Amino acid sequence: VEMSTLMNVLAGAFQLDSSVVQRVKHRVIQEVKETNGRIDLEEIIKF
């Protein structure tokens, strides 16, 4: 529920192109697989 709320707020605040969202989603899936779910905010900011 929280994730869905956050995504709806972001989608409403930014008008993103669906191709950008798909690229980000693909990158995030790879990152989560590689880090086994460990998310590093500093790495995300650098990216």
All heavy atoms as atom14 arrays in JSON, in Angstrom:
{
  "sequence": "VEMSTLMNVLAGAFQLDSSVVQRVKHRVIQEVKETNGRIDLEEIIKF",
  "atom14_mask": [
    [1, 1, 1, 1, 1, 1, 1, 0, 0, 0, 0, 0, 0, 0],
    [1, 1, 1, 1, 1, 1, 1, 1, 1, 0, 0, 0, 0, 0],
    [1, 1, 1, 1, 1, 1, 1, 1, 0, 0, 0, 0, 0, 0],
    [1, 1, 1, 1, 1, 1, 0, 0, 0, 0, 0, 0, 0, 0],
    [1, 1, 1, 1, 1, 1, 1, 0, 0, 0, 0, 0, 0, 0],
    [1, 1, 1, 1, 1, 1, 1, 1, 0, 0, 0, 0, 0, 0],
    [1, 1, 1, 1, 1, 1, 1, 1, 0, 0, 0, 0, 0, 0],
    [1, 1, 1, 1, 1, 1, 1, 1, 0, 0, 0, 0, 0, 0],
    [1, 1, 1, 1, 1, 1, 1, 0, 0, 0, 0, 0, 0, 0],
    [1, 1, 1, 1, 1, 1, 1, 1, 0, 0, 0, 0, 0, 0],
    [1, 1, 1, 1, 1, 0, 0, 0, 0, 0, 0, 0, 0, 0],
    [1, 1, 1, 1, 0, 0, 0, 0, 0, 0, 0, 0, 0, 0],
    [1, 1, 1, 1, 1, 0, 0, 0, 0, 0, 0, 0, 0, 0],
    [1, 1, 1, 1, 1, 1, 1, 1, 1, 1, 1, 0, 0, 0],
    [1, 1, 1, 1, 1, 1, 1, 1, 1, 0, 0, 0, 0, 0],
    [1, 1, 1, 1, 1, 1, 1, 1, 0, 0, 0, 0, 0, 0],
    [1, 1, 1, 1, 1, 1, 1, 1, 0, 0, 0, 0, 0, 0],
    [1, 1, 1, 1, 1, 1, 0, 0, 0, 0, 0, 0, 0, 0],
    [1, 1, 1, 1, 1, 1, 0, 0, 0, 0, 0, 0, 0, 0],
    [1, 1, 1, 1, 1, 1, 1, 0, 0, 0, 0, 0, 0, 0],
    [1, 1, 1, 1, 1, 1, 1, 0, 0, 0, 0, 0, 0, 0],
    [1, 1, 1, 1, 1, 1, 1, 1, 1, 0, 0, 0, 0, 0],
    [1, 1, 1, 1, 1, 1, 1, 1, 1, 1, 1, 0, 0, 0],
    [1, 1, 1, 1, 1, 1, 1, 0, 0, 0, 0, 0, 0, 0],
    [1, 1, 1, 1, 1, 1, 1, 1, 1, 0, 0, 0, 0, 0],
    [1, 1, 1, 1, 1, 1, 1, 1, 1, 1, 0, 0, 0, 0],
    [1, 1, 1, 1, 1, 1, 1, 1, 1, 1, 1, 0, 0, 0],
    [1, 1, 1, 1, 1, 1, 1, 0, 0, 0, 0, 0, 0, 0],
    [1, 1, 1, 1, 1, 1, 1, 1, 0, 0, 0, 0, 0, 0],
    [1, 1, 1, 1, 1, 1, 1, 1, 1, 0, 0, 0, 0, 0],
    [1, 1, 1, 1, 1, 1, 1, 1, 1, 0, 0, 0, 0, 0],
    [1, 1, 1, 1, 1, 1, 1, 0, 0, 0, 0, 0, 0, 0],
    [1, 1, 1, 1, 1, 1, 1, 1, 1, 0, 0, 0, 0, 0],
    [1, 1, 1, 1, 1, 1, 1, 1, 1, 0, 0, 0, 0, 0],
    [1, 1, 1, 1, 1, 1, 1, 0, 0, 0, 0, 0, 0, 0],
    [1, 1, 1, 1, 1, 1, 1, 1, 0, 0, 0, 0, 0, 0],
    [1, 1, 1, 1, 0, 0, 0, 0, 0, 0, 0, 0, 0, 0],
    [1, 1, 1, 1, 1, 1, 1, 1, 1, 1, 1, 0, 0, 0],
    [1, 1, 1, 1, 1, 1, 1, 1, 0, 0, 0, 0, 0, 0],
    [1, 1, 1, 1, 1, 1, 1, 1, 0, 0, 0, 0, 0, 0],
    [1, 1, 1, 1, 1, 1, 1, 1, 0, 0, 0, 0, 0, 0],
    [1, 1, 1, 1, 1, 1, 1, 1, 1, 0, 0, 0, 0, 0],
    [1, 1, 1, 1, 1, 1, 1, 1, 1, 0, 0, 0, 0, 0],
    [1, 1, 1, 1, 1, 1, 1, 1, 0, 0, 0, 0, 0, 0],
    [1, 1, 1, 1, 1, 1, 1, 1, 0, 0, 0, 0, 0, 0],
    [1, 1, 1, 1, 1, 1, 1, 1, 1, 0, 0, 0, 0, 0],
    [1, 1, 1, 1, 1, 1, 1, 1, 1, 1, 1, 0, 0, 0]
  ],
  "atom14_positions": [
    [[0.84, -1.2, 0.0], [0.0, 0.0, 0.0], [0.88, 1.25, 0.0], [0.64, 2.2, -0.76], [-0.97, 0.01, 1.21], [-1.64, 1.36, 1.38], [-2.01, -1.1, 1.06], [0.0, 0.0, 0.0], [0.0, 0.0, 0.0], [0.0, 0.0, 0.0], [0.0, 0.0, 0.0], [0.0, 0.0, 0.0], [0.0, 0.0, 0.0], [0.0, 0.0, 0.0]],
    [[1.91, 1.26, 0.84], [2.82, 2.41, 0.9], [3.55, 2.61, -0.42], [3.69, 3.73, -0.9], [3.83, 2.24, 2.05], [3.21, 2.31, 3.43], [2.52, 3.63, 3.71], [3.03, 4.7, 3.3], [1.44, 3.61, 4.33], [0.0, 0.0, 0.0], [0.0, 0.0, 0.0], [0.0, 0.0, 0.0], [0.0, 0.0, 0.0], [0.0, 0.0, 0.0]],
    [[4.01, 1.52, -1.03], [4.71, 1.61, -2.32], [3.78, 2.13, -3.4], [4.16, 2.97, -4.22], [5.28, 0.25, -2.72], [6.46, -0.2, -1.89], [7.88, 0.88, -2.04], [8.24, 0.74, -3.77], [0.0, 0.0, 0.0], [0.0, 0.0, 0.0], [0.0, 0.0, 0.0], [0.0, 0.0, 0.0], [0.0, 0.0, 0.0], [0.0, 0.0, 0.0]],
    [[2.56, 1.65, -3.41], [1.59, 2.1, -4.41], [1.29, 3.58, -4.22], [1.19, 4.34, -5.2], [0.31, 1.28, -4.3], [-0.61, 1.69, -5.27], [0.0, 0.0, 0.0], [0.0, 0.0, 0.0], [0.0, 0.0, 0.0], [0.0, 0.0, 0.0], [0.0, 0.0, 0.0], [0.0, 0.0, 0.0], [0.0, 0.0, 0.0], [0.0, 0.0, 0.0]],
    [[1.15, 4.01, -2.97], [0.92, 5.43, -2.69], [2.08, 6.27, -3.19], [1.88, 7.3, -3.85], [0.73, 5.64, -1.16], [-0.34, 4.82, -0.71], [0.46, 7.09, -0.83], [0.0, 0.0, 0.0], [0.0, 0.0, 0.0], [0.0, 0.0, 0.0], [0.0, 0.0, 0.0], [0.0, 0.0, 0.0], [0.0, 0.0, 0.0], [0.0, 0.0, 0.0]],
    [[3.29, 5.83, -2.89], [4.48, 6.56, -3.32], [4.57, 6.64, -4.84], [4.84, 7.7, -5.4], [5.73, 5.88, -2.75], [7.07, 6.5, -3.13], [7.18, 7.92, -2.6], [8.2, 5.64, -2.61], [0.0, 0.0, 0.0], [0.0, 0.0, 0.0], [0.0, 0.0, 0.0], [0.0, 0.0, 0.0], [0.0, 0.0, 0.0], [0.0, 0.0, 0.0]],
    [[4.29, 5.55, -5.52], [4.34, 5.55, -6.98], [3.28, 6.47, -7.58], [3.54, 7.17, -8.56], [4.2, 4.13, -7.52], [5.46, 3.31, -7.35], [5.39, 1.8, -8.3], [5.01, 0.64, -7.01], [0.0, 0.0, 0.0], [0.0, 0.0, 0.0], [0.0, 0.0, 0.0], [0.0, 0.0, 0.0], [0.0, 0.0, 0.0], [0.0, 0.0, 0.0]],
    [[2.1, 6.48, -7.01], [1.05, 7.36, -7.5], [1.41, 8.83, -7.3], [1.16, 9.67, -8.16], [-0.29, 7.04, -6.84], [-0.99, 5.88, -7.52], [-1.57, 6.06, -8.57], [-0.88, 4.7, -6.94], [0.0, 0.0, 0.0], [0.0, 0.0, 0.0], [0.0, 0.0, 0.0], [0.0, 0.0, 0.0], [0.0, 0.0, 0.0], [0.0, 0.0, 0.0]],
    [[2.01, 9.15, -6.15], [2.43, 10.52, -5.89], [3.52, 10.94, -6.87], [3.47, 12.03, -7.46], [2.91, 10.68, -4.43], [3.62, 12.01, -4.23], [1.74, 10.55, -3.47], [0.0, 0.0, 0.0], [0.0, 0.0, 0.0], [0.0, 0.0, 0.0], [0.0, 0.0, 0.0], [0.0, 0.0, 0.0], [0.0, 0.0, 0.0], [0.0, 0.0, 0.0]],
    [[4.5, 10.06, -7.08], [5.58, 10.37, -8.02], [5.06, 10.51, -9.45], [5.47, 11.41, -10.18], [6.66, 9.3, -7.96], [7.55, 9.32, -6.71], [8.48, 8.13, -6.7], [8.34, 10.62, -6.64], [0.0, 0.0, 0.0], [0.0, 0.0, 0.0], [0.0, 0.0, 0.0], [0.0, 0.0, 0.0], [0.0, 0.0, 0.0], [0.0, 0.0, 0.0]],
    [[4.18, 9.61, -9.84], [3.62, 9.67, -11.19], [2.81, 10.96, -11.38], [2.83, 11.54, -12.47], [2.74, 8.45, -11.45], [0.0, 0.0, 0.0], [0.0, 0.0, 0.0], [0.0, 0.0, 0.0], [0.0, 0.0, 0.0], [0.0, 0.0, 0.0], [0.0, 0.0, 0.0], [0.0, 0.0, 0.0], [0.0, 0.0, 0.0], [0.0, 0.0, 0.0]],
    [[2.15, 11.41, -10.33], [1.38, 12.65, -10.42], [2.28, 13.88, -10.43], [1.98, 14.88, -11.08], [0.0, 0.0, 0.0], [0.0, 0.0, 0.0], [0.0, 0.0, 0.0], [0.0, 0.0, 0.0], [0.0, 0.0, 0.0], [0.0, 0.0, 0.0], [0.0, 0.0, 0.0], [0.0, 0.0, 0.0], [0.0, 0.0, 0.0], [0.0, 0.0, 0.0]],
    [[3.38, 13.82, -9.69], [4.27, 14.98, -9.58], [5.17, 15.14, -10.8], [5.46, 16.26, -11.21], [5.11, 14.86, -8.32], [0.0, 0.0, 0.0], [0.0, 0.0, 0.0], [0.0, 0.0, 0.0], [0.0, 0.0, 0.0], [0.0, 0.0, 0.0], [0.0, 0.0, 0.0], [0.0, 0.0, 0.0], [0.0, 0.0, 0.0], [0.0, 0.0, 0.0]],
    [[5.64, 14.04, -11.37], [6.54, 14.08, -12.53], [5.85, 13.42, -13.71], [5.27, 12.35, -13.57], [7.84, 13.33, -12.22], [8.58, 13.87, -11.05], [8.49, 13.23, -9.81], [9.35, 15.01, -11.16], [9.17, 13.72, -8.71], [10.03, 15.5, -10.06], [9.94, 14.87, -8.83], [0.0, 0.0, 0.0], [0.0, 0.0, 0.0], [0.0, 0.0, 0.0]],
    [[5.97, 14.05, -14.83], [5.4, 13.43, -16.02], [6.53, 12.7, -16.73], [7.28, 13.31, -17.5], [4.74, 14.47, -16.9], [3.55, 15.08, -16.21], [2.75, 15.98, -17.13], [3.1, 16.18, -18.29], [1.67, 16.51, -16.62], [0.0, 0.0, 0.0], [0.0, 0.0, 0.0], [0.0, 0.0, 0.0], [0.0, 0.0, 0.0], [0.0, 0.0, 0.0]],
    [[6.64, 11.42, -16.42], [7.74, 10.62, -16.95], [7.31, 9.88, -18.2], [6.19, 9.41, -18.29], [8.23, 9.62, -15.9], [8.76, 10.21, -14.59], [9.05, 9.1, -13.6], [10.01, 11.03, -14.87], [0.0, 0.0, 0.0], [0.0, 0.0, 0.0], [0.0, 0.0, 0.0], [0.0, 0.0, 0.0], [0.0, 0.0, 0.0], [0.0, 0.0, 0.0]],
    [[8.26, 9.74, -19.09], [8.05, 8.96, -20.3], [8.09, 7.48, -19.91], [8.93, 7.06, -19.1], [9.16, 9.3, -21.3], [8.99, 8.59, -22.63], [7.99, 7.87, -22.81], [9.87, 8.76, -23.49], [0.0, 0.0, 0.0], [0.0, 0.0, 0.0], [0.0, 0.0, 0.0], [0.0, 0.0, 0.0], [0.0, 0.0, 0.0], [0.0, 0.0, 0.0]],
    [[7.2, 6.68, -20.47], [7.16, 5.25, -20.09], [8.46, 4.53, -20.43], [8.84, 3.59, -19.74], [5.97, 4.55, -20.75], [6.1, 4.55, -22.14], [0.0, 0.0, 0.0], [0.0, 0.0, 0.0], [0.0, 0.0, 0.0], [0.0, 0.0, 0.0], [0.0, 0.0, 0.0], [0.0, 0.0, 0.0], [0.0, 0.0, 0.0], [0.0, 0.0, 0.0]],
    [[9.19, 4.96, -21.45], [10.46, 4.31, -21.78], [11.5, 4.58, -20.7], [12.3, 3.7, -20.36], [10.97, 4.78, -23.15], [11.25, 6.16, -23.13], [0.0, 0.0, 0.0], [0.0, 0.0, 0.0], [0.0, 0.0, 0.0], [0.0, 0.0, 0.0], [0.0, 0.0, 0.0], [0.0, 0.0, 0.0], [0.0, 0.0, 0.0], [0.0, 0.0, 0.0]],
    [[11.48, 5.78, -20.12], [12.4, 6.1, -19.01], [12.06, 5.23, -17.81], [12.95, 4.66, -17.16], [12.32, 7.6, -18.65], [13.11, 7.88, -17.37], [12.8, 8.46, -19.8], [0.0, 0.0, 0.0], [0.0, 0.0, 0.0], [0.0, 0.0, 0.0], [0.0, 0.0, 0.0], [0.0, 0.0, 0.0], [0.0, 0.0, 0.0], [0.0, 0.0, 0.0]],
    [[10.78, 5.11, -17.51], [10.35, 4.27, -16.37], [10.77, 2.83, -16.59], [11.27, 2.17, -15.66], [8.82, 4.39, -16.17], [8.35, 3.4, -15.11], [8.44, 5.8, -15.78], [0.0, 0.0, 0.0], [0.0, 0.0, 0.0], [0.0, 0.0, 0.0], [0.0, 0.0, 0.0], [0.0, 0.0, 0.0], [0.0, 0.0, 0.0], [0.0, 0.0, 0.0]],
    [[10.64, 2.31, -17.8], [11.03, 0.92, -18.09], [12.53, 0.73, -17.93], [12.98, -0.29, -17.39], [10.59, 0.52, -19.5], [9.1, 0.31, -19.64], [8.6, -0.78, -18.69], [9.23, -1.8, -18.49], [7.44, -0.52, -18.09], [0.0, 0.0, 0.0], [0.0, 0.0, 0.0], [0.0, 0.0, 0.0], [0.0, 0.0, 0.0], [0.0, 0.0, 0.0]],
    [[13.35, 1.71, -18.4], [14.81, 1.62, -18.24], [15.19, 1.61, -16.76], [16.02, 0.83, -16.32], [15.5, 2.77, -18.97], [15.7, 2.54, -20.44], [16.76, 3.45, -21.06], [16.94, 4.75, -20.44], [16.36, 5.89, -20.85], [15.54, 5.88, -21.89], [16.6, 7.02, -20.24], [0.0, 0.0, 0.0], [0.0, 0.0, 0.0], [0.0, 0.0, 0.0]],
    [[14.58, 2.51, -15.99], [14.87, 2.58, -14.56], [14.45, 1.29, -13.88], [15.18, 0.74, -13.05], [14.17, 3.81, -13.91], [14.25, 3.73, -12.39], [14.78, 5.09, -14.43], [0.0, 0.0, 0.0], [0.0, 0.0, 0.0], [0.0, 0.0, 0.0], [0.0, 0.0, 0.0], [0.0, 0.0, 0.0], [0.0, 0.0, 0.0], [0.0, 0.0, 0.0]],
    [[13.3, 0.79, -14.25], [12.8, -0.45, -13.64], [13.74, -1.61, -13.95], [14.07, -2.41, -13.07], [11.39, -0.76, -14.15], [10.67, -1.8, -13.36], [9.22, -1.88, -13.79], [8.43, -2.7, -12.82], [7.01, -2.69, -13.11], [0.0, 0.0, 0.0], [0.0, 0.0, 0.0], [0.0, 0.0, 0.0], [0.0, 0.0, 0.0], [0.0, 0.0, 0.0]],
    [[14.21, -1.7, -15.19], [15.15, -2.76, -15.58], [16.44, -2.65, -14.77], [16.95, -3.64, -14.25], [15.44, -2.68, -17.08], [16.43, -3.69, -17.54], [16.12, -5.04, -17.62], [17.73, -3.57, -17.9], [17.19, -5.7, -18.03], [18.18, -4.82, -18.21], [0.0, 0.0, 0.0], [0.0, 0.0, 0.0], [0.0, 0.0, 0.0], [0.0, 0.0, 0.0]],
    [[16.95, -1.41, -14.65], [18.19, -1.21, -13.89], [17.99, -1.58, -12.41], [18.83, -2.22, -11.8], [18.63, 0.25, -13.98], [19.93, 0.48, -13.22], [20.22, 1.95, -13.0], [21.38, 2.12, -12.18], [21.4, 2.05, -10.86], [20.32, 1.77, -10.19], [22.51, 2.23, -10.19], [0.0, 0.0, 0.0], [0.0, 0.0, 0.0], [0.0, 0.0, 0.0]],
    [[16.86, -1.2, -11.84], [16.58, -1.48, -10.43], [16.48, -2.99, -10.19], [17.0, -3.51, -9.2], [15.29, -0.75, -9.97], [14.81, -1.25, -8.63], [15.53, 0.75, -9.94], [0.0, 0.0, 0.0], [0.0, 0.0, 0.0], [0.0, 0.0, 0.0], [0.0, 0.0, 0.0], [0.0, 0.0, 0.0], [0.0, 0.0, 0.0], [0.0, 0.0, 0.0]],
    [[15.83, -3.69, -11.1], [15.73, -5.15, -10.95], [17.11, -5.77, -10.94], [17.43, -6.62, -10.09], [14.85, -5.76, -12.08], [13.39, -5.39, -11.86], [15.01, -7.28, -12.13], [12.47, -5.75, -13.02], [0.0, 0.0, 0.0], [0.0, 0.0, 0.0], [0.0, 0.0, 0.0], [0.0, 0.0, 0.0], [0.0, 0.0, 0.0], [0.0, 0.0, 0.0]],
    [[17.98, -5.35, -11.85], [19.35, -5.88, -11.9], [20.11, -5.55, -10.62], [20.83, -6.38, -10.06], [20.1, -5.33, -13.13], [19.57, -5.81, -14.44], [19.67, -7.33, -14.59], [20.08, -8.06, -13.72], [19.25, -7.8, -15.74], [0.0, 0.0, 0.0], [0.0, 0.0, 0.0], [0.0, 0.0, 0.0], [0.0, 0.0, 0.0], [0.0, 0.0, 0.0]],
    [[19.96, -4.31, -10.17], [20.65, -3.87, -8.96], [20.22, -4.68, -7.73], [21.04, -5.11, -6.93], [20.38, -2.38, -8.74], [21.09, -1.8, -7.53], [20.78, -0.33, -7.37], [20.82, 0.4, -8.38], [20.48, 0.07, -6.23], [0.0, 0.0, 0.0], [0.0, 0.0, 0.0], [0.0, 0.0, 0.0], [0.0, 0.0, 0.0], [0.0, 0.0, 0.0]],
    [[18.92, -4.89, -7.61], [18.4, -5.64, -6.46], [18.89, -7.08, -6.51], [19.24, -7.67, -5.49], [16.86, -5.54, -6.38], [16.3, -6.51, -5.36], [16.44, -4.12, -6.05], [0.0, 0.0, 0.0], [0.0, 0.0, 0.0], [0.0, 0.0, 0.0], [0.0, 0.0, 0.0], [0.0, 0.0, 0.0], [0.0, 0.0, 0.0], [0.0, 0.0, 0.0]],
    [[18.93, -7.66, -7.71], [19.45, -9.03, -7.85], [20.91, -9.1, -7.44], [21.33, -10.01, -6.73], [19.31, -9.52, -9.3], [17.93, -9.95, -9.68], [17.93, -10.43, -11.12], [16.55, -10.82, -11.59], [16.57, -11.23, -13.02], [0.0, 0.0, 0.0], [0.0, 0.0, 0.0], [0.0, 0.0, 0.0], [0.0, 0.0, 0.0], [0.0, 0.0, 0.0]],
    [[21.7, -8.13, -7.91], [23.14, -8.14, -7.62], [23.43, -7.9, -6.14], [24.36, -8.47, -5.59], [23.84, -7.07, -8.46], [23.9, -7.4, -9.93], [24.41, -6.24, -10.76], [24.83, -5.21, -10.18], [24.37, -6.36, -12.01], [0.0, 0.0, 0.0], [0.0, 0.0, 0.0], [0.0, 0.0, 0.0], [0.0, 0.0, 0.0], [0.0, 0.0, 0.0]],
    [[22.66, -7.05, -5.51], [22.92, -6.71, -4.1], [22.1, -7.53, -3.13], [22.17, -7.31, -1.92], [22.63, -5.21, -3.85], [21.24, -4.96, -4.1], [23.51, -4.33, -4.71], [0.0, 0.0, 0.0], [0.0, 0.0, 0.0], [0.0, 0.0, 0.0], [0.0, 0.0, 0.0], [0.0, 0.0, 0.0], [0.0, 0.0, 0.0], [0.0, 0.0, 0.0]],
    [[21.31, -8.47, -3.67], [20.45, -9.32, -2.85], [19.51, -8.49, -1.98], [19.27, -8.8, -0.82], [21.3, -10.27, -2.0], [20.5, -11.46, -1.52], [19.48, -11.81, -2.09], [20.96, -12.08, -0.45], [0.0, 0.0, 0.0], [0.0, 0.0, 0.0], [0.0, 0.0, 0.0], [0.0, 0.0, 0.0], [0.0, 0.0, 0.0], [0.0, 0.0, 0.0]],
    [[18.99, -7.41, -2.56], [18.01, -6.59, -1.87], [18.6, -5.47, -1.03], [17.86, -4.68, -0.44], [0.0, 0.0, 0.0], [0.0, 0.0, 0.0], [0.0, 0.0, 0.0], [0.0, 0.0, 0.0], [0.0, 0.0, 0.0], [0.0, 0.0, 0.0], [0.0, 0.0, 0.0], [0.0, 0.0, 0.0], [0.0, 0.0, 0.0], [0.0, 0.0, 0.0]],
    [[19.91, -5.39, -0.95], [20.54, -4.34, -0.15], [20.62, -3.07, -1.0], [21.29, -3.03, -2.03], [21.94, -4.77, 0.28], [22.58, -3.82, 1.22], [23.83, -4.41, 1.81], [24.49, -3.39, 2.57], [25.78, -3.12, 2.48], [26.54, -3.83, 1.68], [26.32, -2.18, 3.2], [0.0, 0.0, 0.0], [0.0, 0.0, 0.0], [0.0, 0.0, 0.0]],
    [[19.94, -2.05, -0.55], [19.84, -0.81, -1.32], [20.75, 0.23, -0.68], [20.71, 0.43, 0.53], [18.38, -0.32, -1.36], [17.5, -1.39, -2.02], [18.28, 1.0, -2.09], [16.03, -1.15, -1.85], [0.0, 0.0, 0.0], [0.0, 0.0, 0.0], [0.0, 0.0, 0.0], [0.0, 0.0, 0.0], [0.0, 0.0, 0.0], [0.0, 0.0, 0.0]],
    [[21.56, 0.89, -1.52], [22.49, 1.9, -1.04], [22.1, 3.25, -1.65], [22.24, 3.46, -2.86], [23.92, 1.52, -1.43], [24.96, 2.46, -0.85], [24.59, 3.44, -0.19], [26.17, 2.2, -1.07], [0.0, 0.0, 0.0], [0.0, 0.0, 0.0], [0.0, 0.0, 0.0], [0.0, 0.0, 0.0], [0.0, 0.0, 0.0], [0.0, 0.0, 0.0]],
    [[21.6, 4.16, -0.82], [21.14, 5.46, -1.3], [22.26, 6.24, -1.97], [22.04, 6.93, -2.97], [20.53, 6.26, -0.14], [19.94, 7.63, -0.51], [18.83, 7.48, -1.54], [19.44, 8.34, 0.73], [0.0, 0.0, 0.0], [0.0, 0.0, 0.0], [0.0, 0.0, 0.0], [0.0, 0.0, 0.0], [0.0, 0.0, 0.0], [0.0, 0.0, 0.0]],
    [[23.48, 6.16, -1.45], [24.6, 6.88, -2.05], [24.85, 6.42, -3.48], [25.12, 7.24, -4.37], [25.85, 6.72, -1.2], [25.77, 7.45, 0.13], [26.99, 7.22, 1.01], [28.0, 6.66, 0.52], [26.93, 7.6, 2.19], [0.0, 0.0, 0.0], [0.0, 0.0, 0.0], [0.0, 0.0, 0.0], [0.0, 0.0, 0.0], [0.0, 0.0, 0.0]],
    [[24.77, 5.11, -3.72], [24.94, 4.59, -5.07], [23.83, 5.07, -5.99], [24.06, 5.39, -7.16], [24.98, 3.05, -5.06], [26.22, 2.47, -4.41], [27.49, 2.76, -5.2], [27.45, 2.69, -6.44], [28.5, 3.08, -4.57], [0.0, 0.0, 0.0], [0.0, 0.0, 0.0], [0.0, 0.0, 0.0], [0.0, 0.0, 0.0], [0.0, 0.0, 0.0]],
    [[22.62, 5.13, -5.48], [21.48, 5.6, -6.28], [21.68, 7.07, -6.65], [21.45, 7.47, -7.8], [20.15, 5.39, -5.52], [19.87, 3.89, -5.38], [19.0, 6.09, -6.22], [18.72, 3.56, -4.46], [0.0, 0.0, 0.0], [0.0, 0.0, 0.0], [0.0, 0.0, 0.0], [0.0, 0.0, 0.0], [0.0, 0.0, 0.0], [0.0, 0.0, 0.0]],
    [[22.12, 7.87, -5.69], [22.35, 9.3, -5.96], [23.44, 9.47, -7.02], [23.31, 10.27, -7.95], [22.71, 10.05, -4.66], [21.48, 10.1, -3.73], [23.23, 11.47, -4.95], [21.78, 10.59, -2.33], [0.0, 0.0, 0.0], [0.0, 0.0, 0.0], [0.0, 0.0, 0.0], [0.0, 0.0, 0.0], [0.0, 0.0, 0.0], [0.0, 0.0, 0.0]],
    [[24.54, 8.69, -6.89], [25.61, 8.76, -7.89], [25.08, 8.4, -9.28], [25.4, 9.05, -10.27], [26.76, 7.83, -7.51], [27.58, 8.31, -6.35], [28.66, 7.3, -6.0], [29.4, 7.68, -4.74], [30.36, 6.64, -4.35], [0.0, 0.0, 0.0], [0.0, 0.0, 0.0], [0.0, 0.0, 0.0], [0.0, 0.0, 0.0], [0.0, 0.0, 0.0]],
    [[24.25, 7.35, -9.35], [23.7, 6.94, -10.64], [22.79, 8.03, -11.21], [22.87, 8.37, -12.4], [22.93, 5.62, -10.5], [22.23, 5.21, -11.76], [22.96, 4.59, -12.78], [20.88, 5.44, -11.95], [22.34, 4.21, -13.96], [20.25, 5.07, -13.12], [20.98, 4.46, -14.13], [0.0, 0.0, 0.0], [0.0, 0.0, 0.0], [0.0, 0.0, 0.0]]
  ]
}
